Amino acid sequence: MWNLLLNHHGRWKLAKALREKGFYVRMHAYEYLVGDGRKLLAIVLLEPRLNKAYLYALDENIERIADTIKSIEPSVKIMIRRVCIEP
């Protein structure tokens, strides 16, 4: 089965969809930094050949990020890891 995120157009589509939902997005290849304009919310690492996306959550409200990934590639398995960064 072809994973849309293997193609750079699919990855740009994901970045655009996140931005349209109001997120700040910095993309580099298969990595995304996702914020809200004030702070970093999550780091997303895509492994489309394995059909996985690792979402390292730095904030509690990351469901919209996961939902956006699924909207672009419904078959991808999202692995959520909660990360606590002490100031």
N, C-alpha and C. Protein backbone atom coordinates (compact mmCIF):
# COMPACT_ATOMS: atom_id res chain seq x y z
N MET A 1 0.84 -1.19 0.00
CA MET A 1 0.00 0.00 0.00
C MET A 1 0.88 1.25 0.00
N TRP A 2 0.57 2.19 -0.86
CA TRP A 2 1.36 3.42 -0.99
C TRP A 2 1.02 4.39 0.14
N ASN A 3 2.04 4.89 0.82
CA ASN A 3 1.87 5.87 1.89
C ASN A 3 2.13 7.25 1.31
N LEU A 4 1.15 8.13 1.39
CA LEU A 4 1.26 9.48 0.83
C LEU A 4 2.43 10.25 1.42
N LEU A 5 2.82 9.94 2.66
CA LEU A 5 3.89 10.68 3.33
C LEU A 5 5.28 10.31 2.82
N LEU A 6 5.39 9.30 1.98
CA LEU A 6 6.68 8.98 1.33
C LEU A 6 7.07 10.07 0.34
N ASN A 7 6.09 10.72 -0.24
CA ASN A 7 6.30 11.73 -1.25
C ASN A 7 6.41 13.10 -0.61
N HIS A 8 7.34 13.94 -1.09
CA HIS A 8 7.49 15.26 -0.47
C HIS A 8 6.24 16.11 -0.63
N HIS A 9 5.44 15.86 -1.65
CA HIS A 9 4.17 16.61 -1.80
C HIS A 9 3.21 16.26 -0.66
N GLY A 10 3.18 15.01 -0.26
CA GLY A 10 2.34 14.60 0.87
C GLY A 10 2.81 15.22 2.17
N ARG A 11 4.12 15.31 2.34
CA ARG A 11 4.66 15.92 3.57
C ARG A 11 4.39 17.42 3.60
N TRP A 12 4.47 18.08 2.43
CA TRP A 12 4.12 19.50 2.36
C TRP A 12 2.63 19.70 2.64
N LYS A 13 1.81 18.75 2.17
CA LYS A 13 0.37 18.82 2.41
C LYS A 13 0.09 18.74 3.91
N LEU A 14 0.84 17.89 4.63
CA LEU A 14 0.68 17.79 6.08
C LEU A 14 1.07 19.11 6.74
N ALA A 15 2.20 19.68 6.35
CA ALA A 15 2.62 20.96 6.93
C ALA A 15 1.57 22.04 6.69
N LYS A 16 1.04 22.09 5.48
CA LYS A 16 0.02 23.08 5.15
C LYS A 16 -1.25 22.87 5.98
N ALA A 17 -1.66 21.61 6.14
CA ALA A 17 -2.87 21.32 6.93
C ALA A 17 -2.68 21.73 8.39
N LEU A 18 -1.50 21.50 8.94
CA LEU A 18 -1.22 21.93 10.32
C LEU A 18 -1.25 23.45 10.43
N ARG A 19 -0.66 24.13 9.46
CA ARG A 19 -0.67 25.60 9.47
C ARG A 19 -2.08 26.15 9.36
N GLU A 20 -2.91 25.51 8.55
CA GLU A 20 -4.30 25.96 8.39
C GLU A 20 -5.10 25.79 9.68
N LYS A 21 -4.65 24.90 10.55
CA LYS A 21 -5.31 24.74 11.85
C LYS A 21 -4.72 25.68 12.90
N GLY A 22 -3.83 26.57 12.48
CA GLY A 22 -3.31 27.59 13.38
C GLY A 22 -1.99 27.26 14.05
N PHE A 23 -1.36 26.16 13.67
CA PHE A 23 -0.09 25.78 14.27
C PHE A 23 1.07 26.45 13.56
N TYR A 24 2.12 26.73 14.32
CA TYR A 24 3.41 27.09 13.74
C TYR A 24 4.06 25.76 13.35
N VAL A 25 4.62 25.67 12.14
CA VAL A 25 5.23 24.42 11.68
C VAL A 25 6.59 24.71 11.07
N ARG A 26 7.59 23.99 11.53
CA ARG A 26 8.92 24.02 10.93
C ARG A 26 9.19 22.60 10.46
N MET A 27 9.34 22.41 9.16
CA MET A 27 9.50 21.08 8.59
C MET A 27 10.90 20.90 8.03
N HIS A 28 11.48 19.74 8.27
CA HIS A 28 12.74 19.36 7.64
C HIS A 28 12.66 17.88 7.31
N ALA A 29 12.53 17.59 6.03
CA ALA A 29 12.43 16.20 5.54
C ALA A 29 11.27 15.48 6.23
N TYR A 30 11.56 14.56 7.14
CA TYR A 30 10.52 13.77 7.80
C TYR A 30 10.29 14.22 9.25
N GLU A 31 10.76 15.40 9.59
CA GLU A 31 10.64 15.91 10.96
C GLU A 31 9.88 17.23 10.96
N TYR A 32 9.02 17.38 11.94
CA TYR A 32 8.24 18.61 12.09
C TYR A 32 8.34 19.10 13.53
N LEU A 33 8.57 20.39 13.68
CA LEU A 33 8.41 21.05 14.97
C LEU A 33 7.07 21.75 14.90
N VAL A 34 6.22 21.51 15.88
CA VAL A 34 4.87 22.07 15.87
C VAL A 34 4.66 22.89 17.13
N GLY A 35 4.28 24.13 16.96
CA GLY A 35 4.05 25.02 18.08
C GLY A 35 2.76 25.80 17.91
N ASP A 36 2.50 26.66 18.89
CA ASP A 36 1.29 27.48 18.84
C ASP A 36 1.62 28.98 18.72
N GLY A 37 2.87 29.30 18.45
CA GLY A 37 3.29 30.69 18.36
C GLY A 37 3.93 31.19 19.64
N ARG A 38 3.66 30.50 20.74
CA ARG A 38 4.25 30.86 22.03
C ARG A 38 5.21 29.81 22.53
N LYS A 39 4.88 28.54 22.25
CA LYS A 39 5.72 27.46 22.76
C LYS A 39 5.66 26.26 21.82
N LEU A 40 6.63 25.41 21.97
CA LEU A 40 6.70 24.17 21.21
C LEU A 40 5.73 23.17 21.81
N LEU A 41 4.86 22.60 20.97
CA LEU A 41 3.84 21.65 21.43
C LEU A 41 4.23 20.20 21.19
N ALA A 42 4.89 19.95 20.05
CA ALA A 42 5.20 18.56 19.70
C ALA A 42 6.31 18.50 18.66
N ILE A 43 6.95 17.35 18.63
CA ILE A 43 7.89 17.01 17.57
C ILE A 43 7.32 15.79 16.89
N VAL A 44 7.20 15.85 15.58
CA VAL A 44 6.65 14.74 14.80
C VAL A 44 7.76 14.17 13.93
N LEU A 45 8.00 12.87 14.05
CA LEU A 45 8.96 12.17 13.21
C LEU A 45 8.21 11.14 12.39
N LEU A 46 8.29 11.26 11.08
CA LEU A 46 7.59 10.33 10.19
C LEU A 46 8.52 9.21 9.75
N GLU A 47 7.99 8.01 9.72
CA GLU A 47 8.67 6.86 9.14
C GLU A 47 7.68 6.19 8.19
N PRO A 48 7.45 6.82 7.02
CA PRO A 48 6.41 6.33 6.13
C PRO A 48 6.68 4.93 5.57
N ARG A 49 7.92 4.52 5.45
CA ARG A 49 8.21 3.16 4.97
C ARG A 49 7.74 2.11 5.96
N LEU A 50 7.68 2.50 7.24
CA LEU A 50 7.17 1.61 8.28
C LEU A 50 5.71 1.91 8.60
N ASN A 51 5.14 2.92 7.92
CA ASN A 51 3.77 3.37 8.14
C ASN A 51 3.55 3.83 9.58
N LYS A 52 4.54 4.54 10.13
CA LYS A 52 4.47 5.04 11.51
C LYS A 52 4.79 6.52 11.56
N ALA A 53 4.19 7.17 12.55
CA ALA A 53 4.51 8.56 12.88
C ALA A 53 4.70 8.61 14.39
N TYR A 54 5.84 9.13 14.82
CA TYR A 54 6.11 9.29 16.24
C TYR A 54 5.80 10.73 16.61
N LEU A 55 4.90 10.91 17.56
CA LEU A 55 4.51 12.23 18.00
C LEU A 55 5.00 12.40 19.44
N TYR A 56 6.04 13.20 19.60
CA TYR A 56 6.59 13.48 20.93
C TYR A 56 5.86 14.70 21.47
N ALA A 57 4.97 14.47 22.42
CA ALA A 57 4.09 15.51 22.93
C ALA A 57 4.76 16.26 24.08
N LEU A 58 4.89 17.56 23.90
CA LEU A 58 5.44 18.42 24.94
C LEU A 58 4.33 19.18 25.66
N ASP A 59 3.10 18.97 25.22
CA ASP A 59 1.93 19.63 25.77
C ASP A 59 0.80 18.61 25.83
N GLU A 60 -0.21 18.90 26.59
CA GLU A 60 -1.33 17.96 26.75
C GLU A 60 -2.26 17.91 25.54
N ASN A 61 -2.43 19.01 24.86
CA ASN A 61 -3.44 19.11 23.81
C ASN A 61 -2.84 18.83 22.43
N ILE A 62 -2.61 17.57 22.13
CA ILE A 62 -2.00 17.21 20.85
C ILE A 62 -2.93 16.39 19.96
N GLU A 63 -4.18 16.23 20.38
CA GLU A 63 -5.13 15.45 19.60
C GLU A 63 -5.34 16.03 18.20
N ARG A 64 -5.37 17.37 18.10
CA ARG A 64 -5.57 18.00 16.78
C ARG A 64 -4.40 17.72 15.85
N ILE A 65 -3.20 17.60 16.41
CA ILE A 65 -2.03 17.28 15.59
C ILE A 65 -2.16 15.85 15.08
N ALA A 66 -2.48 14.92 15.96
CA ALA A 66 -2.66 13.51 15.57
C ALA A 66 -3.78 13.37 14.55
N ASP A 67 -4.89 14.08 14.76
CA ASP A 67 -6.02 14.02 13.83
C ASP A 67 -5.63 14.56 12.45
N THR A 68 -4.79 15.58 12.41
CA THR A 68 -4.35 16.15 11.15
C THR A 68 -3.47 15.17 10.38
N ILE A 69 -2.58 14.49 11.09
CA ILE A 69 -1.75 13.47 10.45
C ILE A 69 -2.64 12.39 9.84
N LYS A 70 -3.62 11.93 10.61
CA LYS A 70 -4.54 10.89 10.13
C LYS A 70 -5.37 11.37 8.94
N SER A 71 -5.67 12.67 8.89
CA SER A 71 -6.47 13.18 7.77
C SER A 71 -5.68 13.13 6.46
N ILE A 72 -4.37 13.22 6.54
CA ILE A 72 -3.52 13.16 5.35
C ILE A 72 -3.23 11.72 4.96
N GLU A 73 -2.93 10.88 5.96
CA GLU A 73 -2.63 9.46 5.69
C GLU A 73 -3.34 8.60 6.74
N PRO A 74 -4.59 8.19 6.45
CA PRO A 74 -5.39 7.46 7.43
C PRO A 74 -4.79 6.13 7.90
N SER A 75 -3.94 5.51 7.10
CA SER A 75 -3.40 4.21 7.48
C SER A 75 -2.21 4.28 8.44
N VAL A 76 -1.66 5.47 8.64
CA VAL A 76 -0.45 5.59 9.47
C VAL A 76 -0.77 5.29 10.94
N LYS A 77 0.14 4.58 11.59
CA LYS A 77 0.00 4.30 13.02
C LYS A 77 0.76 5.39 13.77
N ILE A 78 0.06 6.08 14.66
CA ILE A 78 0.68 7.18 15.41
C ILE A 78 1.09 6.68 16.79
N MET A 79 2.39 6.82 17.05
CA MET A 79 2.95 6.42 18.34
C MET A 79 3.15 7.71 19.15
N ILE A 80 2.40 7.87 20.23
CA ILE A 80 2.48 9.10 21.04
C ILE A 80 3.36 8.85 22.25
N ARG A 81 4.34 9.71 22.41
CA ARG A 81 5.24 9.67 23.57
C ARG A 81 5.11 11.00 24.29
N ARG A 82 4.80 10.96 25.55
CA ARG A 82 4.71 12.18 26.36
C ARG A 82 6.12 12.52 26.86
N VAL A 83 6.49 13.78 26.69
CA VAL A 83 7.82 14.23 27.08
C VAL A 83 7.66 15.40 28.05
N CYS A 84 8.36 15.32 29.16
CA CYS A 84 8.32 16.40 30.15
C CYS A 84 9.68 17.10 30.14
N ILE A 85 9.65 18.39 29.86
CA ILE A 85 10.89 19.17 29.86
C ILE A 85 10.83 20.12 31.04
N GLU A 86 11.77 19.96 31.93
CA GLU A 86 11.86 20.84 33.11
C GLU A 86 12.51 22.14 32.72
N PRO A 87 11.98 23.27 33.22
CA PRO A 87 12.59 24.58 32.92
C PRO A 87 13.94 24.76 33.59
